[in-house]
Amino acid sequence: MNEQHLGSTLDDFLEEEGLLAEAEAVAAKRVIAWQIAQLMAEQQMTKSELARRMNTSRTAVDRLLNPANDVATLSTLEKAALALGKRLHIALV
């Protein structure tokens, strides 16, 4: 079978439609929410404890951990990272 590449990539398509940046932002937020949840599980930390360490509400932590909620400030992400003994690292590539 000939495995020649036909057509464009998904990234090319999303870029042509003006959706690539939004799709990447949503994906990044979902990955970060997953990483925070994994760290919480490893440290046996509850949402209430994370909220206390972040000096915020449990509702704010729920929003942060919700992969469908793509609104999270850098400040909130940094607070979560510090509360879990980590650092937030962001880079432009």
PDB file of N, CA and C in Angstrom:
ATOM      1  N   MET A   1       0.837  -1.179   0.000  1.00  0.00           N
ATOM      2  CA  MET A   1       0.000   0.000   0.000  1.00  0.00           C
ATOM      3  C   MET A   1       0.883   1.245   0.000  1.00  0.00           C
ATOM      4  N   ASN A   2       0.542   2.188  -0.806  1.00  0.00           N
ATOM      5  CA  ASN A   2       1.282   3.427  -0.910  1.00  0.00           C
ATOM      6  C   ASN A   2       0.879   4.344   0.240  1.00  0.00           C
ATOM      7  N   GLU A   3       1.839   4.712   1.101  1.00  0.00           N
ATOM      8  CA  GLU A   3       1.547   5.559   2.260  1.00  0.00           C
ATOM      9  C   GLU A   3       1.941   7.006   1.997  1.00  0.00           C
ATOM     10  N   GLN A   4       1.783   7.449   0.777  1.00  0.00           N
ATOM     11  CA  GLN A   4       2.115   8.820   0.423  1.00  0.00           C
ATOM     12  C   GLN A   4       1.171   9.762   1.156  1.00  0.00           C
ATOM     13  N   HIS A   5       1.721  10.845   1.668  1.00  0.00           N
ATOM     14  CA  HIS A   5       0.928  11.843   2.397  1.00  0.00           C
ATOM     15  C   HIS A   5       0.046  12.611   1.422  1.00  0.00           C
ATOM     16  N   LEU A   6      -1.230  12.619   1.689  1.00  0.00           N
ATOM     17  CA  LEU A   6      -2.176  13.355   0.852  1.00  0.00           C
ATOM     18  C   LEU A   6      -2.800  14.483   1.665  1.00  0.00           C
ATOM     19  N   GLY A   7      -2.886  15.655   1.092  1.00  0.00           N
ATOM     20  CA  GLY A   7      -3.555  16.758   1.755  1.00  0.00           C
ATOM     21  C   GLY A   7      -2.679  17.441   2.798  1.00  0.00           C
ATOM     22  N   SER A   8      -3.314  18.303   3.559  1.00  0.00           N
ATOM     23  CA  SER A   8      -2.592  19.070   4.559  1.00  0.00           C
ATOM     24  C   SER A   8      -2.740  18.424   5.938  1.00  0.00           C
ATOM     25  N   THR A   9      -1.974  18.936   6.874  1.00  0.00           N
ATOM     26  CA  THR A   9      -2.058  18.452   8.247  1.00  0.00           C
ATOM     27  C   THR A   9      -3.220  19.141   8.958  1.00  0.00           C
ATOM     28  N   LEU A  10      -3.577  18.607  10.107  1.00  0.00           N
ATOM     29  CA  LEU A  10      -4.616  19.239  10.915  1.00  0.00           C
ATOM     30  C   LEU A  10      -4.192  20.645  11.319  1.00  0.00           C
ATOM     31  N   ASP A  11      -2.918  20.806  11.686  1.00  0.00           N
ATOM     32  CA  ASP A  11      -2.420  22.133  12.039  1.00  0.00           C
ATOM     33  C   ASP A  11      -2.567  23.110  10.878  1.00  0.00           C
ATOM     34  N   ASP A  12      -2.257  22.648   9.664  1.00  0.00           N
ATOM     35  CA  ASP A  12      -2.405  23.508   8.492  1.00  0.00           C
ATOM     36  C   ASP A  12      -3.862  23.926   8.306  1.00  0.00           C
ATOM     37  N   PHE A  13      -4.752  22.957   8.445  1.00  0.00           N
ATOM     38  CA  PHE A  13      -6.177  23.244   8.300  1.00  0.00           C
ATOM     39  C   PHE A  13      -6.643  24.247   9.346  1.00  0.00           C
ATOM     40  N   LEU A  14      -6.287  24.006  10.620  1.00  0.00           N
ATOM     41  CA  LEU A  14      -6.705  24.918  11.689  1.00  0.00           C
ATOM     42  C   LEU A  14      -6.139  26.316  11.480  1.00  0.00           C
ATOM     43  N   GLU A  15      -4.910  26.388  11.002  1.00  0.00           N
ATOM     44  CA  GLU A  15      -4.307  27.691  10.743  1.00  0.00           C
ATOM     45  C   GLU A  15      -5.040  28.413   9.612  1.00  0.00           C
ATOM     46  N   GLU A  16      -5.362  27.695   8.553  1.00  0.00           N
ATOM     47  CA  GLU A  16      -6.096  28.292   7.433  1.00  0.00           C
ATOM     48  C   GLU A  16      -7.462  28.820   7.878  1.00  0.00           C
ATOM     49  N   GLU A  17      -8.081  28.130   8.833  1.00  0.00           N
ATOM     50  CA  GLU A  17      -9.395  28.529   9.329  1.00  0.00           C
ATOM     51  C   GLU A  17      -9.307  29.560  10.456  1.00  0.00           C
ATOM     52  N   GLY A  18      -8.085  29.915  10.860  1.00  0.00           N
ATOM     53  CA  GLY A  18      -7.895  30.890  11.934  1.00  0.00           C
ATOM     54  C   GLY A  18      -8.202  30.317  13.309  1.00  0.00           C
ATOM     55  N   LEU A  19      -8.061  29.007  13.471  1.00  0.00           N
ATOM     56  CA  LEU A  19      -8.418  28.345  14.726  1.00  0.00           C
ATOM     57  C   LEU A  19      -7.231  27.725  15.450  1.00  0.00           C
ATOM     58  N   LEU A  20      -6.044  27.790  14.881  1.00  0.00           N
ATOM     59  CA  LEU A  20      -4.899  27.092  15.454  1.00  0.00           C
ATOM     60  C   LEU A  20      -4.536  27.620  16.840  1.00  0.00           C
ATOM     61  N   ALA A  21      -4.430  28.922  17.006  1.00  0.00           N
ATOM     62  CA  ALA A  21      -4.035  29.490  18.301  1.00  0.00           C
ATOM     63  C   ALA A  21      -5.035  29.114  19.389  1.00  0.00           C
ATOM     64  N   GLU A  22      -6.313  29.178  19.070  1.00  0.00           N
ATOM     65  CA  GLU A  22      -7.346  28.825  20.049  1.00  0.00           C
ATOM     66  C   GLU A  22      -7.270  27.343  20.417  1.00  0.00           C
ATOM     67  N   ALA A  23      -7.080  26.493  19.440  1.00  0.00           N
ATOM     68  CA  ALA A  23      -6.984  25.056  19.692  1.00  0.00           C
ATOM     69  C   ALA A  23      -5.766  24.729  20.551  1.00  0.00           C
ATOM     70  N   GLU A  24      -4.654  25.385  20.280  1.00  0.00           N
ATOM     71  CA  GLU A  24      -3.454  25.163  21.083  1.00  0.00           C
ATOM     72  C   GLU A  24      -3.630  25.658  22.509  1.00  0.00           C
ATOM     73  N   ALA A  25      -4.312  26.784  22.691  1.00  0.00           N
ATOM     74  CA  ALA A  25      -4.552  27.314  24.035  1.00  0.00           C
ATOM     75  C   ALA A  25      -5.447  26.373  24.837  1.00  0.00           C
ATOM     76  N   VAL A  26      -6.489  25.859  24.213  1.00  0.00           N
ATOM     77  CA  VAL A  26      -7.384  24.912  24.888  1.00  0.00           C
ATOM     78  C   VAL A  26      -6.616  23.650  25.264  1.00  0.00           C
ATOM     79  N   ALA A  27      -5.802  23.155  24.355  1.00  0.00           N
ATOM     80  CA  ALA A  27      -5.024  21.948  24.630  1.00  0.00           C
ATOM     81  C   ALA A  27      -4.043  22.178  25.779  1.00  0.00           C
ATOM     82  N   ALA A  28      -3.385  23.323  25.783  1.00  0.00           N
ATOM     83  CA  ALA A  28      -2.436  23.632  26.856  1.00  0.00           C
ATOM     84  C   ALA A  28      -3.145  23.696  28.201  1.00  0.00           C
ATOM     85  N   LYS A  29      -4.311  24.342  28.253  1.00  0.00           N
ATOM     86  CA  LYS A  29      -5.064  24.436  29.506  1.00  0.00           C
ATOM     87  C   LYS A  29      -5.463  23.052  29.988  1.00  0.00           C
ATOM     88  N   ARG A  30      -5.883  22.196  29.087  1.00  0.00           N
ATOM     89  CA  ARG A  30      -6.283  20.834  29.476  1.00  0.00           C
ATOM     90  C   ARG A  30      -5.102  20.052  30.027  1.00  0.00           C
ATOM     91  N   VAL A  31      -3.943  20.201  29.414  1.00  0.00           N
ATOM     92  CA  VAL A  31      -2.746  19.502  29.894  1.00  0.00           C
ATOM     93  C   VAL A  31      -2.365  20.014  31.284  1.00  0.00           C
ATOM     94  N   ILE A  32      -2.393  21.316  31.476  1.00  0.00           N
ATOM     95  CA  ILE A  32      -2.038  21.886  32.784  1.00  0.00           C
ATOM     96  C   ILE A  32      -3.031  21.433  33.849  1.00  0.00           C
ATOM     97  N   ALA A  33      -4.318  21.442  33.545  1.00  0.00           N
ATOM     98  CA  ALA A  33      -5.328  20.969  34.506  1.00  0.00           C
ATOM     99  C   ALA A  33      -5.058  19.512  34.873  1.00  0.00           C
ATOM    100  N   TRP A  34      -4.716  18.694  33.876  1.00  0.00           N
ATOM    101  CA  TRP A  34      -4.410  17.287  34.129  1.00  0.00           C
ATOM    102  C   TRP A  34      -3.171  17.146  35.006  1.00  0.00           C
ATOM    103  N   GLN A  35      -2.134  17.942  34.720  1.00  0.00           N
ATOM    104  CA  GLN A  35      -0.904  17.879  35.512  1.00  0.00           C
ATOM    105  C   GLN A  35      -1.166  18.273  36.963  1.00  0.00           C
ATOM    106  N   ILE A  36      -1.957  19.311  37.170  1.00  0.00           N
ATOM    107  CA  ILE A  36      -2.281  19.738  38.533  1.00  0.00           C
ATOM    108  C   ILE A  36      -3.035  18.631  39.260  1.00  0.00           C
ATOM    109  N   ALA A  37      -4.006  18.029  38.597  1.00  0.00           N
ATOM    110  CA  ALA A  37      -4.772  16.939  39.206  1.00  0.00           C
ATOM    111  C   ALA A  37      -3.866  15.758  39.550  1.00  0.00           C
ATOM    112  N   GLN A  38      -2.911  15.441  38.671  1.00  0.00           N
ATOM    113  CA  GLN A  38      -1.983  14.341  38.937  1.00  0.00           C
ATOM    114  C   GLN A  38      -1.104  14.632  40.148  1.00  0.00           C
ATOM    115  N   LEU A  39      -0.595  15.851  40.228  1.00  0.00           N
ATOM    116  CA  LEU A  39       0.228  16.239  41.375  1.00  0.00           C
ATOM    117  C   LEU A  39      -0.577  16.205  42.666  1.00  0.00           C
ATOM    118  N   MET A  40      -1.817  16.649  42.594  1.00  0.00           N
ATOM    119  CA  MET A  40      -2.674  16.595  43.779  1.00  0.00           C
ATOM    120  C   MET A  40      -2.855  15.146  44.236  1.00  0.00           C
ATOM    121  N   ALA A  41      -3.095  14.248  43.295  1.00  0.00           N
ATOM    122  CA  ALA A  41      -3.282  12.837  43.633  1.00  0.00           C
ATOM    123  C   ALA A  41      -2.008  12.250  44.238  1.00  0.00           C
ATOM    124  N   GLU A  42      -0.859  12.557  43.641  1.00  0.00           N
ATOM    125  CA  GLU A  42       0.422  12.061  44.162  1.00  0.00           C
ATOM    126  C   GLU A  42       0.663  12.532  45.589  1.00  0.00           C
ATOM    127  N   GLN A  43       0.272  13.777  45.868  1.00  0.00           N
ATOM    128  CA  GLN A  43       0.499  14.365  47.186  1.00  0.00           C
ATOM    129  C   GLN A  43      -0.697  14.159  48.124  1.00  0.00           C
ATOM    130  N   GLN A  44      -1.694  13.442  47.652  1.00  0.00           N
ATOM    131  CA  GLN A  44      -2.922  13.200  48.403  1.00  0.00           C
ATOM    132  C   GLN A  44      -3.498  14.515  48.944  1.00  0.00           C
ATOM    133  N   MET A  45      -3.549  15.511  48.058  1.00  0.00           N
ATOM    134  CA  MET A  45      -4.028  16.836  48.418  1.00  0.00           C
ATOM    135  C   MET A  45      -5.461  17.019  47.917  1.00  0.00           C
ATOM    136  N   THR A  46      -6.322  17.488  48.779  1.00  0.00           N
ATOM    137  CA  THR A  46      -7.706  17.741  48.401  1.00  0.00           C
ATOM    138  C   THR A  46      -7.822  19.095  47.716  1.00  0.00           C
ATOM    139  N   LYS A  47      -8.937  19.299  47.061  1.00  0.00           N
ATOM    140  CA  LYS A  47      -9.205  20.595  46.437  1.00  0.00           C
ATOM    141  C   LYS A  47      -9.270  21.689  47.497  1.00  0.00           C
ATOM    142  N   SER A  48      -9.848  21.369  48.632  1.00  0.00           N
ATOM    143  CA  SER A  48      -9.940  22.355  49.720  1.00  0.00           C
ATOM    144  C   SER A  48      -8.558  22.757  50.221  1.00  0.00           C
ATOM    145  N   GLU A  49      -7.660  21.782  50.338  1.00  0.00           N
ATOM    146  CA  GLU A  49      -6.300  22.085  50.792  1.00  0.00           C
ATOM    147  C   GLU A  49      -5.561  22.914  49.748  1.00  0.00           C
ATOM    148  N   LEU A  50      -5.714  22.575  48.473  1.00  0.00           N
ATOM    149  CA  LEU A  50      -5.078  23.370  47.419  1.00  0.00           C
ATOM    150  C   LEU A  50      -5.611  24.794  47.454  1.00  0.00           C
ATOM    151  N   ALA A  51      -6.909  24.949  47.609  1.00  0.00           N
ATOM    152  CA  ALA A  51      -7.513  26.285  47.680  1.00  0.00           C
ATOM    153  C   ALA A  51      -6.937  27.073  48.858  1.00  0.00           C
ATOM    154  N   ARG A  52      -6.796  26.408  50.008  1.00  0.00           N
ATOM    155  CA  ARG A  52      -6.244  27.087  51.190  1.00  0.00           C
ATOM    156  C   ARG A  52      -4.819  27.545  50.911  1.00  0.00           C
ATOM    157  N   ARG A  53      -4.008  26.669  50.314  1.00  0.00           N
ATOM    158  CA  ARG A  53      -2.613  27.028  50.017  1.00  0.00           C
ATOM    159  C   ARG A  53      -2.505  28.124  48.966  1.00  0.00           C
ATOM    160  N   MET A  54      -3.480  28.186  48.067  1.00  0.00           N
ATOM    161  CA  MET A  54      -3.479  29.215  47.025  1.00  0.00           C
ATOM    162  C   MET A  54      -4.129  30.506  47.500  1.00  0.00           C
ATOM    163  N   ASN A  55      -4.733  30.462  48.693  1.00  0.00           N
ATOM    164  CA  ASN A  55      -5.464  31.612  49.233  1.00  0.00           C
ATOM    165  C   ASN A  55      -6.612  32.004  48.302  1.00  0.00           C
ATOM    166  N   THR A  56      -7.387  30.987  47.936  1.00  0.00           N
ATOM    167  CA  THR A  56      -8.523  31.197  47.044  1.00  0.00           C
ATOM    168  C   THR A  56      -9.661  30.276  47.478  1.00  0.00           C
ATOM    169  N   SER A  57     -10.707  30.238  46.688  1.00  0.00           N
ATOM    170  CA  SER A  57     -11.871  29.422  47.032  1.00  0.00           C
ATOM    171  C   SER A  57     -11.793  28.041  46.386  1.00  0.00           C
ATOM    172  N   ARG A  58     -12.552  27.131  46.929  1.00  0.00           N
ATOM    173  CA  ARG A  58     -12.645  25.786  46.343  1.00  0.00           C
ATOM    174  C   ARG A  58     -13.264  25.881  44.946  1.00  0.00           C
ATOM    175  N   THR A  59     -14.186  26.822  44.762  1.00  0.00           N
ATOM    176  CA  THR A  59     -14.809  27.021  43.452  1.00  0.00           C
ATOM    177  C   THR A  59     -13.767  27.421  42.412  1.00  0.00           C
ATOM    178  N   ALA A  60     -12.825  28.272  42.811  1.00  0.00           N
ATOM    179  CA  ALA A  60     -11.766  28.681  41.885  1.00  0.00           C
ATOM    180  C   ALA A  60     -10.894  27.483  41.501  1.00  0.00           C
ATOM    181  N   VAL A  61     -10.636  26.595  42.442  1.00  0.00           N
ATOM    182  CA  VAL A  61      -9.861  25.387  42.151  1.00  0.00           C
ATOM    183  C   VAL A  61     -10.655  24.484  41.212  1.00  0.00           C
ATOM    184  N   ASP A  62     -11.958  24.357  41.437  1.00  0.00           N
ATOM    185  CA  ASP A  62     -12.800  23.567  40.532  1.00  0.00           C
ATOM    186  C   ASP A  62     -12.704  24.096  39.103  1.00  0.00           C
ATOM    187  N   ARG A  63     -12.754  25.421  38.944  1.00  0.00           N
ATOM    188  CA  ARG A  63     -12.636  26.018  37.609  1.00  0.00           C
ATOM    189  C   ARG A  63     -11.270  25.724  37.006  1.00  0.00           C
ATOM    190  N   LEU A  64     -10.234  25.805  37.829  1.00  0.00           N
ATOM    191  CA  LEU A  64      -8.869  25.553  37.358  1.00  0.00           C
ATOM    192  C   LEU A  64      -8.713  24.115  36.877  1.00  0.00           C
ATOM    193  N   LEU A  65      -9.332  23.179  37.575  1.00  0.00           N
ATOM    194  CA  LEU A  65      -9.197  21.759  37.231  1.00  0.00           C
ATOM    195  C   LEU A  65     -10.160  21.311  36.145  1.00  0.00           C
ATOM    196  N   ASN A  66     -11.100  22.144  35.783  1.00  0.00           N
ATOM    197  CA  ASN A  66     -12.078  21.795  34.757  1.00  0.00           C
ATOM    198  C   ASN A  66     -11.440  21.971  33.380  1.00  0.00           C
ATOM    199  N   PRO A  67     -11.193  20.868  32.656  1.00  0.00           N
ATOM    200  CA  PRO A  67     -10.537  20.995  31.356  1.00  0.00           C
ATOM    201  C   PRO A  67     -11.364  21.758  30.328  1.00  0.00           C
ATOM    202  N   ALA A  68     -12.673  21.843  30.528  1.00  0.00           N
ATOM    203  CA  ALA A  68     -13.530  22.569  29.593  1.00  0.00           C
ATOM    204  C   ALA A  68     -13.495  24.073  29.850  1.00  0.00           C
ATOM    205  N   ASN A  69     -13.029  24.476  31.024  1.00  0.00           N
ATOM    206  CA  ASN A  69     -12.935  25.895  31.352  1.00  0.00           C
ATOM    207  C   ASN A  69     -11.556  26.373  30.926  1.00  0.00           C
ATOM    208  N   ASP A  70     -11.505  27.108  29.827  1.00  0.00           N
ATOM    209  CA  ASP A  70     -10.210  27.511  29.279  1.00  0.00           C
ATOM    210  C   ASP A  70      -9.753  28.884  29.744  1.00  0.00           C
ATOM    211  N   VAL A  71     -10.367  29.397  30.804  1.00  0.00           N
ATOM    212  CA  VAL A  71      -9.975  30.700  31.329  1.00  0.00           C
ATOM    213  C   VAL A  71      -9.218  30.493  32.644  1.00  0.00           C
ATOM    214  N   ALA A  72      -7.932  30.732  32.613  1.00  0.00           N
ATOM    215  CA  ALA A  72      -7.095  30.661  33.803  1.00  0.00           C
ATOM    216  C   ALA A  72      -5.997  31.702  33.650  1.00  0.00           C
ATOM    217  N   THR A  73      -5.818  32.522  34.668  1.00  0.00           N
ATOM    218  CA  THR A  73      -4.782  33.546  34.587  1.00  0.00           C
ATOM    219  C   THR A  73      -3.424  32.943  34.914  1.00  0.00           C
ATOM    220  N   LEU A  74      -2.392  33.604  34.464  1.00  0.00           N
ATOM    221  CA  LEU A  74      -1.042  33.159  34.796  1.00  0.00           C
ATOM    222  C   LEU A  74      -0.832  33.207  36.306  1.00  0.00           C
ATOM    223  N   SER A  75      -1.408  34.188  36.958  1.00  0.00           N
ATOM    224  CA  SER A  75      -1.287  34.301  38.406  1.00  0.00           C
ATOM    225  C   SER A  75      -1.884  33.083  39.103  1.00  0.00           C
ATOM    226  N   THR A  76      -3.051  32.647  38.658  1.00  0.00           N
ATOM    227  CA  THR A  76      -3.699  31.474  39.248  1.00  0.00           C
ATOM    228  C   THR A  76      -2.871  30.222  39.004  1.00  0.00           C
ATOM    229  N   LEU A  77      -2.356  30.064  37.794  1.00  0.00           N
ATOM    230  CA  LEU A  77      -1.530  28.904  37.482  1.00  0.00           C
ATOM    231  C   LEU A  77      -0.254  28.897  38.320  1.00  0.00           C
ATOM    232  N   GLU A  78       0.340  30.061  38.515  1.00  0.00           N
ATOM    233  CA  GLU A  78       1.555  30.176  39.323  1.00  0.00           C
ATOM    234  C   GLU A  78       1.261  29.831  40.781  1.00  0.00           C
ATOM    235  N   LYS A  79       0.141  30.314  41.297  1.00  0.00           N
ATOM    236  CA  LYS A  79      -0.236  29.985  42.680  1.00  0.00           C
ATOM    237  C   LYS A  79      -0.439  28.485  42.859  1.00  0.00           C
ATOM    238  N   ALA A  80      -1.081  27.856  41.886  1.00  0.00           N
ATOM    239  CA  ALA A  80      -1.304  26.412  41.959  1.00  0.00           C
ATOM    240  C   ALA A  80       0.026  25.672  41.929  1.00  0.00           C
ATOM    241  N   ALA A  81       0.915  26.075  41.040  1.00  0.00           N
ATOM    242  CA  ALA A  81       2.218  25.427  40.948  1.00  0.00           C
ATOM    243  C   ALA A  81       2.971  25.541  42.269  1.00  0.00           C
ATOM    244  N   LEU A  82       3.014  26.727  42.834  1.00  0.00           N
ATOM    245  CA  LEU A  82       3.722  26.941  44.096  1.00  0.00           C
ATOM    246  C   LEU A  82       3.087  26.138  45.226  1.00  0.00           C
ATOM    247  N   ALA A  83       1.761  26.072  45.247  1.00  0.00           N
ATOM    248  CA  ALA A  83       1.066  25.313  46.287  1.00  0.00           C
ATOM    249  C   ALA A  83       1.389  23.823  46.200  1.00  0.00           C
ATOM    250  N   LEU A  84       1.787  23.380  45.021  1.00  0.00           N
ATOM    251  CA  LEU A  84       2.134  21.973  44.816  1.00  0.00           C
ATOM    252  C   LEU A  84       3.649  21.744  44.833  1.00  0.00           C
ATOM    253  N   GLY A  85       4.389  22.789  45.197  1.00  0.00           N
ATOM    254  CA  GLY A  85       5.844  22.659  45.276  1.00  0.00           C
ATOM    255  C   GLY A  85       6.525  22.666  43.930  1.00  0.00           C
ATOM    256  N   LYS A  86       5.899  23.260  42.947  1.00  0.00           N
ATOM    257  CA  LYS A  86       6.438  23.313  41.588  1.00  0.00           C
ATOM    258  C   LYS A  86       6.551  24.762  41.130  1.00  0.00           C
ATOM    259  N   ARG A  87       7.135  24.937  39.944  1.00  0.00           N
ATOM    260  CA  ARG A  87       7.205  26.246  39.310  1.00  0.00           C
ATOM    261  C   ARG A  87       6.510  26.180  37.966  1.00  0.00           C
ATOM    262  N   LEU A  88       5.886  27.270  37.592  1.00  0.00           N
ATOM    263  CA  LEU A  88       5.260  27.368  36.278  1.00  0.00           C
ATOM    264  C   LEU A  88       6.313  27.872  35.305  1.00  0.00           C
ATOM    265  N   HIS A  89       6.429  27.183  34.181  1.00  0.00           N
ATOM    266  CA  HIS A  89       7.395  27.578  33.146  1.00  0.00           C
ATOM    267  C   HIS A  89       6.637  27.766  31.842  1.00  0.00           C
ATOM    268  N   ILE A  90       6.735  28.975  31.282  1.00  0.00           N
ATOM    269  CA  ILE A  90       6.063  29.282  30.022  1.00  0.00           C
ATOM    270  C   ILE A  90       7.110  29.802  29.053  1.00  0.00           C
ATOM    271  N   ALA A  91       7.036  29.365  27.823  1.00  0.00           N
ATOM    272  CA  ALA A  91       8.021  29.790  26.822  1.00  0.00           C
ATOM    273  C   ALA A  91       7.325  30.097  25.512  1.00  0.00           C
ATOM    274  N   LEU A  92       7.860  31.060  24.805  1.00  0.00           N
ATOM    275  CA  LEU A  92       7.417  31.354  23.446  1.00  0.00           C
ATOM    276  C   LEU A  92       8.311  30.557  22.509  1.00  0.00           C
ATOM    277  N   VAL A  93       7.683  29.818  21.602  1.00  0.00           N
ATOM    278  CA  VAL A  93       8.470  29.014  20.669  1.00  0.00           C
ATOM    279  C   VAL A  93       8.095  29.361  19.247  1.00  0.00           C
TER     280      VAL A  93
END
